[in-house]
Structures are given as C-alpha cells and as structure tokens.
PDB file of N, CA and C in Angstrom:
ATOM      1  N   MET A   1      97.258  93.425  77.284  1.00  0.00           N
ATOM      2  CA  MET A   1      97.916  94.589  77.830  1.00  0.00           C
ATOM      3  C   MET A   1      96.971  95.282  78.813  1.00  0.00           C
ATOM      4  N   SER A   2      97.473  95.603  79.994  1.00  0.00           N
ATOM      5  CA  SER A   2      96.588  96.214  80.986  1.00  0.00           C
ATOM      6  C   SER A   2      96.469  97.718  80.760  1.00  0.00           C
ATOM      7  N   GLU A   3      95.294  98.224  81.125  1.00  0.00           N
ATOM      8  CA  GLU A   3      94.999  99.648  81.021  1.00  0.00           C
ATOM      9  C   GLU A   3      94.618 100.164  82.389  1.00  0.00           C
ATOM     10  N   GLN A   4      94.943 101.417  82.630  1.00  0.00           N
ATOM     11  CA  GLN A   4      94.565 102.051  83.890  1.00  0.00           C
ATOM     12  C   GLN A   4      93.709 103.273  83.577  1.00  0.00           C
ATOM     13  N   THR A   5      92.543 103.354  84.208  1.00  0.00           N
ATOM     14  CA  THR A   5      91.603 104.439  83.974  1.00  0.00           C
ATOM     15  C   THR A   5      91.228 105.066  85.308  1.00  0.00           C
ATOM     16  N   THR A   6      91.156 106.391  85.330  1.00  0.00           N
ATOM     17  CA  THR A   6      90.750 107.098  86.540  1.00  0.00           C
ATOM     18  C   THR A   6      89.344 107.641  86.355  1.00  0.00           C
ATOM     19  N   TRP A   7      88.509 107.417  87.357  1.00  0.00           N
ATOM     20  CA  TRP A   7      87.123 107.870  87.340  1.00  0.00           C
ATOM     21  C   TRP A   7      86.901 108.748  88.561  1.00  0.00           C
ATOM     22  N   ASN A   8      86.092 109.776  88.428  1.00  0.00           N
ATOM     23  CA  ASN A   8      85.690 110.613  89.551  1.00  0.00           C
ATOM     24  C   ASN A   8      84.353 110.101  90.072  1.00  0.00           C
ATOM     25  N   VAL A   9      84.302 109.857  91.383  1.00  0.00           N
ATOM     26  CA  VAL A   9      83.103 109.304  91.999  1.00  0.00           C
ATOM     27  C   VAL A   9      82.617 110.271  93.073  1.00  0.00           C
ATOM     28  N   GLY A  10      81.351 110.624  93.012  1.00  0.00           N
ATOM     29  CA  GLY A  10      80.764 111.525  93.991  1.00  0.00           C
ATOM     30  C   GLY A  10      80.082 110.781  95.113  1.00  0.00           C
ATOM     31  N   GLY A  11      80.206 111.309  96.325  1.00  0.00           N
ATOM     32  CA  GLY A  11      79.477 110.772  97.454  1.00  0.00           C
ATOM     33  C   GLY A  11      80.279 109.919  98.414  1.00  0.00           C
ATOM     34  N   MET A  12      81.517 109.542  98.074  1.00  0.00           N
ATOM     35  CA  MET A  12      82.321 108.742  98.995  1.00  0.00           C
ATOM     36  C   MET A  12      82.811 109.635 100.131  1.00  0.00           C
ATOM     37  N   THR A  13      82.606 109.187 101.370  1.00  0.00           N
ATOM     38  CA  THR A  13      83.009 110.000 102.520  1.00  0.00           C
ATOM     39  C   THR A  13      83.886 109.265 103.529  1.00  0.00           C
ATOM     40  N   CYS A  14      84.113 107.953 103.318  1.00  0.00           N
ATOM     41  CA  CYS A  14      84.868 107.192 104.317  1.00  0.00           C
ATOM     42  C   CYS A  14      85.455 105.917 103.697  1.00  0.00           C
ATOM     43  N   GLY A  15      86.185 105.194 104.519  1.00  0.00           N
ATOM     44  CA  GLY A  15      86.790 103.943 104.074  1.00  0.00           C
ATOM     45  C   GLY A  15      85.766 102.901 103.667  1.00  0.00           C
ATOM     46  N   HIS A  16      84.621 102.873 104.338  1.00  0.00           N
ATOM     47  CA  HIS A  16      83.572 101.920 103.974  1.00  0.00           C
ATOM     48  C   HIS A  16      83.059 102.217 102.566  1.00  0.00           C
ATOM     49  N   CYS A  17      82.933 103.492 102.239  1.00  0.00           N
ATOM     50  CA  CYS A  17      82.515 103.899 100.893  1.00  0.00           C
ATOM     51  C   CYS A  17      83.509 103.363  99.857  1.00  0.00           C
ATOM     52  N   GLU A  18      84.798 103.554 100.160  1.00  0.00           N
ATOM     53  CA  GLU A  18      85.842 103.075  99.252  1.00  0.00           C
ATOM     54  C   GLU A  18      85.725 101.573  99.039  1.00  0.00           C
ATOM     55  N   LEU A  19      85.521 100.834 100.108  1.00  0.00           N
ATOM     56  CA  LEU A  19      85.404  99.375 100.029  1.00  0.00           C
ATOM     57  C   LEU A  19      84.228  98.963  99.163  1.00  0.00           C
ATOM     58  N   SER A  20      83.092  99.614  99.359  1.00  0.00           N
ATOM     59  CA  SER A  20      81.902  99.283  98.571  1.00  0.00           C
ATOM     60  C   SER A  20      82.143  99.498  97.082  1.00  0.00           C
ATOM     61  N   VAL A  21      82.745 100.619  96.741  1.00  0.00           N
ATOM     62  CA  VAL A  21      83.026 100.927  95.336  1.00  0.00           C
ATOM     63  C   VAL A  21      84.042  99.933  94.771  1.00  0.00           C
ATOM     64  N   ARG A  22      85.095  99.640  95.538  1.00  0.00           N
ATOM     65  CA  ARG A  22      86.111  98.680  95.064  1.00  0.00           C
ATOM     66  C   ARG A  22      85.496  97.311  94.798  1.00  0.00           C
ATOM     67  N   GLU A  23      84.649  96.856  95.698  1.00  0.00           N
ATOM     68  CA  GLU A  23      84.037  95.536  95.539  1.00  0.00           C
ATOM     69  C   GLU A  23      83.151  95.476  94.300  1.00  0.00           C
ATOM     70  N   GLU A  24      82.314  96.479  94.092  1.00  0.00           N
ATOM     71  CA  GLU A  24      81.398  96.466  92.943  1.00  0.00           C
ATOM     72  C   GLU A  24      82.163  96.559  91.617  1.00  0.00           C
ATOM     73  N   ILE A  25      83.114  97.472  91.532  1.00  0.00           N
ATOM     74  CA  ILE A  25      83.885  97.600  90.287  1.00  0.00           C
ATOM     75  C   ILE A  25      84.732  96.357  90.065  1.00  0.00           C
ATOM     76  N   GLY A  26      85.225  95.772  91.137  1.00  0.00           N
ATOM     77  CA  GLY A  26      86.064  94.571  91.027  1.00  0.00           C
ATOM     78  C   GLY A  26      85.339  93.378  90.429  1.00  0.00           C
ATOM     79  N   GLU A  27      84.011  93.405  90.426  1.00  0.00           N
ATOM     80  CA  GLU A  27      83.239  92.306  89.845  1.00  0.00           C
ATOM     81  C   GLU A  27      83.074  92.426  88.330  1.00  0.00           C
ATOM     82  N   ILE A  28      83.473  93.546  87.755  1.00  0.00           N
ATOM     83  CA  ILE A  28      83.369  93.713  86.306  1.00  0.00           C
ATOM     84  C   ILE A  28      84.409  92.816  85.640  1.00  0.00           C
ATOM     85  N   PRO A  29      84.004  92.014  84.663  1.00  0.00           N
ATOM     86  CA  PRO A  29      84.960  91.135  83.974  1.00  0.00           C
ATOM     87  C   PRO A  29      86.124  91.949  83.381  1.00  0.00           C
ATOM     88  N   GLY A  30      87.326  91.460  83.608  1.00  0.00           N
ATOM     89  CA  GLY A  30      88.522  92.107  83.073  1.00  0.00           C
ATOM     90  C   GLY A  30      89.217  93.032  84.048  1.00  0.00           C
ATOM     91  N   VAL A  31      88.536  93.410  85.136  1.00  0.00           N
ATOM     92  CA  VAL A  31      89.151  94.292  86.130  1.00  0.00           C
ATOM     93  C   VAL A  31      90.135  93.477  86.963  1.00  0.00           C
ATOM     94  N   THR A  32      91.365  93.996  87.089  1.00  0.00           N
ATOM     95  CA  THR A  32      92.398  93.287  87.846  1.00  0.00           C
ATOM     96  C   THR A  32      92.756  93.988  89.152  1.00  0.00           C
ATOM     97  N   ALA A  33      92.475  95.291  89.259  1.00  0.00           N
ATOM     98  CA  ALA A  33      92.759  96.029  90.492  1.00  0.00           C
ATOM     99  C   ALA A  33      91.906  97.289  90.538  1.00  0.00           C
ATOM    100  N   VAL A  34      91.557  97.692  91.758  1.00  0.00           N
ATOM    101  CA  VAL A  34      90.774  98.915  91.958  1.00  0.00           C
ATOM    102  C   VAL A  34      91.324  99.635  93.185  1.00  0.00           C
ATOM    103  N   GLU A  35      91.629 100.899  93.025  1.00  0.00           N
ATOM    104  CA  GLU A  35      92.043 101.741  94.145  1.00  0.00           C
ATOM    105  C   GLU A  35      91.032 102.881  94.239  1.00  0.00           C
ATOM    106  N   ALA A  36      90.507 103.126  95.439  1.00  0.00           N
ATOM    107  CA  ALA A  36      89.531 104.193  95.630  1.00  0.00           C
ATOM    108  C   ALA A  36      89.987 105.094  96.767  1.00  0.00           C
ATOM    109  N   SER A  37      89.739 106.389  96.618  1.00  0.00           N
ATOM    110  CA  SER A  37      90.064 107.349  97.664  1.00  0.00           C
ATOM    111  C   SER A  37      88.900 108.302  97.876  1.00  0.00           C
ATOM    112  N   HIS A  38      88.330 108.269  99.081  1.00  0.00           N
ATOM    113  CA  HIS A  38      87.247 109.213  99.385  1.00  0.00           C
ATOM    114  C   HIS A  38      87.794 110.628  99.519  1.00  0.00           C
ATOM    115  N   GLU A  39      89.082 110.751  99.849  1.00  0.00           N
ATOM    116  CA  GLU A  39      89.684 112.071 100.016  1.00  0.00           C
ATOM    117  C   GLU A  39      89.789 112.826  98.689  1.00  0.00           C
ATOM    118  N   THR A  40      90.109 112.104  97.623  1.00  0.00           N
ATOM    119  CA  THR A  40      90.230 112.747  96.308  1.00  0.00           C
ATOM    120  C   THR A  40      88.976 112.575  95.463  1.00  0.00           C
ATOM    121  N   GLY A  41      88.123 111.610  95.850  1.00  0.00           N
ATOM    122  CA  GLY A  41      86.935 111.316  95.056  1.00  0.00           C
ATOM    123  C   GLY A  41      87.262 110.578  93.776  1.00  0.00           C
ATOM    124  N   ARG A  42      88.415 109.922  93.754  1.00  0.00           N
ATOM    125  CA  ARG A  42      88.845 109.236  92.537  1.00  0.00           C
ATOM    126  C   ARG A  42      88.956 107.733  92.745  1.00  0.00           C
ATOM    127  N   VAL A  43      88.705 107.026  91.657  1.00  0.00           N
ATOM    128  CA  VAL A  43      88.881 105.580  91.620  1.00  0.00           C
ATOM    129  C   VAL A  43      89.774 105.271  90.427  1.00  0.00           C
ATOM    130  N   VAL A  44      90.837 104.511  90.674  1.00  0.00           N
ATOM    131  CA  VAL A  44      91.742 104.100  89.607  1.00  0.00           C
ATOM    132  C   VAL A  44      91.507 102.614  89.367  1.00  0.00           C
ATOM    133  N   VAL A  45      91.151 102.284  88.128  1.00  0.00           N
ATOM    134  CA  VAL A  45      90.813 100.908  87.772  1.00  0.00           C
ATOM    135  C   VAL A  45      91.839 100.377  86.786  1.00  0.00           C
ATOM    136  N   THR A  46      92.420  99.232  87.098  1.00  0.00           N
ATOM    137  CA  THR A  46      93.334  98.542  86.190  1.00  0.00           C
ATOM    138  C   THR A  46      92.580  97.358  85.608  1.00  0.00           C
ATOM    139  N   SER A  47      92.668  97.210  84.283  1.00  0.00           N
ATOM    140  CA  SER A  47      91.913  96.150  83.621  1.00  0.00           C
ATOM    141  C   SER A  47      92.716  95.556  82.471  1.00  0.00           C
ATOM    142  N   ASN A  48      92.232  94.419  82.000  1.00  0.00           N
ATOM    143  CA  ASN A  48      92.847  93.723  80.864  1.00  0.00           C
ATOM    144  C   ASN A  48      92.281  94.237  79.554  1.00  0.00           C
ATOM    145  N   GLY A  49      92.182  95.538  79.379  1.00  0.00           N
ATOM    146  CA  GLY A  49      91.618  96.128  78.178  1.00  0.00           C
ATOM    147  C   GLY A  49      90.633  97.221  78.550  1.00  0.00           C
ATOM    148  N   SER A  50      90.008  97.791  77.541  1.00  0.00           N
ATOM    149  CA  SER A  50      89.071  98.888  77.761  1.00  0.00           C
ATOM    150  C   SER A  50      87.832  98.411  78.502  1.00  0.00           C
ATOM    151  N   LEU A  51      87.333  99.275  79.373  1.00  0.00           N
ATOM    152  CA  LEU A  51      86.097  98.980  80.096  1.00  0.00           C
ATOM    153  C   LEU A  51      84.963  99.798  79.517  1.00  0.00           C
ATOM    154  N   ASP A  52      83.787  99.229  79.550  1.00  0.00           N
ATOM    155  CA  ASP A  52      82.587  99.938  79.128  1.00  0.00           C
ATOM    156  C   ASP A  52      82.227 100.945  80.218  1.00  0.00           C
ATOM    157  N   PRO A  53      82.219 102.239  79.902  1.00  0.00           N
ATOM    158  CA  PRO A  53      81.872 103.239  80.926  1.00  0.00           C
ATOM    159  C   PRO A  53      80.511 102.992  81.564  1.00  0.00           C
ATOM    160  N   ALA A  54      79.572 102.444  80.816  1.00  0.00           N
ATOM    161  CA  ALA A  54      78.248 102.155  81.372  1.00  0.00           C
ATOM    162  C   ALA A  54      78.337 101.073  82.452  1.00  0.00           C
ATOM    163  N   ALA A  55      79.222 100.107  82.269  1.00  0.00           N
ATOM    164  CA  ALA A  55      79.394  99.048  83.267  1.00  0.00           C
ATOM    165  C   ALA A  55      80.011  99.616  84.543  1.00  0.00           C
ATOM    166  N   VAL A  56      80.963 100.522  84.380  1.00  0.00           N
ATOM    167  CA  VAL A  56      81.587 101.149  85.547  1.00  0.00           C
ATOM    168  C   VAL A  56      80.551 102.012  86.276  1.00  0.00           C
ATOM    169  N   ALA A  57      79.791 102.783  85.526  1.00  0.00           N
ATOM    170  CA  ALA A  57      78.751 103.632  86.130  1.00  0.00           C
ATOM    171  C   ALA A  57      77.731 102.785  86.879  1.00  0.00           C
ATOM    172  N   ALA A  58      77.327 101.665  86.290  1.00  0.00           N
ATOM    173  CA  ALA A  58      76.347 100.785  86.935  1.00  0.00           C
ATOM    174  C   ALA A  58      76.912 100.195  88.227  1.00  0.00           C
ATOM    175  N   ALA A  59      78.179  99.814  88.218  1.00  0.00           N
ATOM    176  CA  ALA A  59      78.807  99.257  89.418  1.00  0.00           C
ATOM    177  C   ALA A  59      78.887 100.303  90.522  1.00  0.00           C
ATOM    178  N   VAL A  60      79.267 101.511  90.158  1.00  0.00           N
ATOM    179  CA  VAL A  60      79.364 102.602  91.133  1.00  0.00           C
ATOM    180  C   VAL A  60      77.979 102.906  91.705  1.00  0.00           C
ATOM    181  N   GLU A  61      76.963 102.930  90.858  1.00  0.00           N
ATOM    182  CA  GLU A  61      75.593 103.186  91.315  1.00  0.00           C
ATOM    183  C   GLU A  61      75.102 102.052  92.216  1.00  0.00           C
ATOM    184  N   GLU A  62      75.473 100.826  91.898  1.00  0.00           N
ATOM    185  CA  GLU A  62      75.087  99.668  92.728  1.00  0.00           C
ATOM    186  C   GLU A  62      75.667  99.826  94.139  1.00  0.00           C
ATOM    187  N   ALA A  63      76.856 100.428  94.222  1.00  0.00           N
ATOM    188  CA  ALA A  63      77.488 100.664  95.522  1.00  0.00           C
ATOM    189  C   ALA A  63      76.860 101.850  96.257  1.00  0.00           C
ATOM    190  N   GLY A  64      76.031 102.625  95.547  1.00  0.00           N
ATOM    191  CA  GLY A  64      75.345 103.730  96.177  1.00  0.00           C
ATOM    192  C   GLY A  64      75.938 105.100  95.894  1.00  0.00           C
ATOM    193  N   TYR A  65      76.777 105.173  94.865  1.00  0.00           N
ATOM    194  CA  TYR A  65      77.458 106.424  94.532  1.00  0.00           C
ATOM    195  C   TYR A  65      77.243 106.753  93.061  1.00  0.00           C
ATOM    196  N   ARG A  66      77.940 107.759  92.553  1.00  0.00           N
ATOM    197  CA  ARG A  66      77.740 108.137  91.149  1.00  0.00           C
ATOM    198  C   ARG A  66      79.046 108.621  90.524  1.00  0.00           C
ATOM    199  N   LEU A  67      79.174 108.374  89.230  1.00  0.00           N
ATOM    200  CA  LEU A  67      80.295 108.946  88.496  1.00  0.00           C
ATOM    201  C   LEU A  67      80.008 110.414  88.274  1.00  0.00           C
ATOM    202  N   VAL A  68      81.039 111.246  88.389  1.00  0.00           N
ATOM    203  CA  VAL A  68      80.873 112.679  88.146  1.00  0.00           C
ATOM    204  C   VAL A  68      81.867 113.149  87.102  1.00  0.00           C
TER     205      VAL A  68
END
C-alpha cells in the first residue's frame, strides 16, 4: 500500500533546487514519486510504505538543503 508524506524543506529557491531534491529523495528504496515546490517549501513523497525520516533528511542534505 502506498503512503504519501509531506516534508518541509528549507533553502529551495528555484526549479533546479526542486530537481536536486527530487533526484536525491527518488534514490531512497521504496520511493515511487517525488513532487517538490520551491514556492511552498514542501516536498511530497509517495512510497511503498513508511520511510525512515533520517534517510529523507540525509537525501535532502545531500542535495544541499535541510528539513525544517
């Protein structure tokens, strides 16, 4: 069963930022879709079950941003 989780991400200012965050989170096992918006500062992640918040935080940090 798929789950959808919304995360607040600080520091995104443009479409390139959104792409970087989507790519990094998309590499987490079980993630099936990622939508990011620099305008709202939110990322919506669809996955095949619960995600480890630490894994999401690490992916966001790898992209150069932070969970808030």
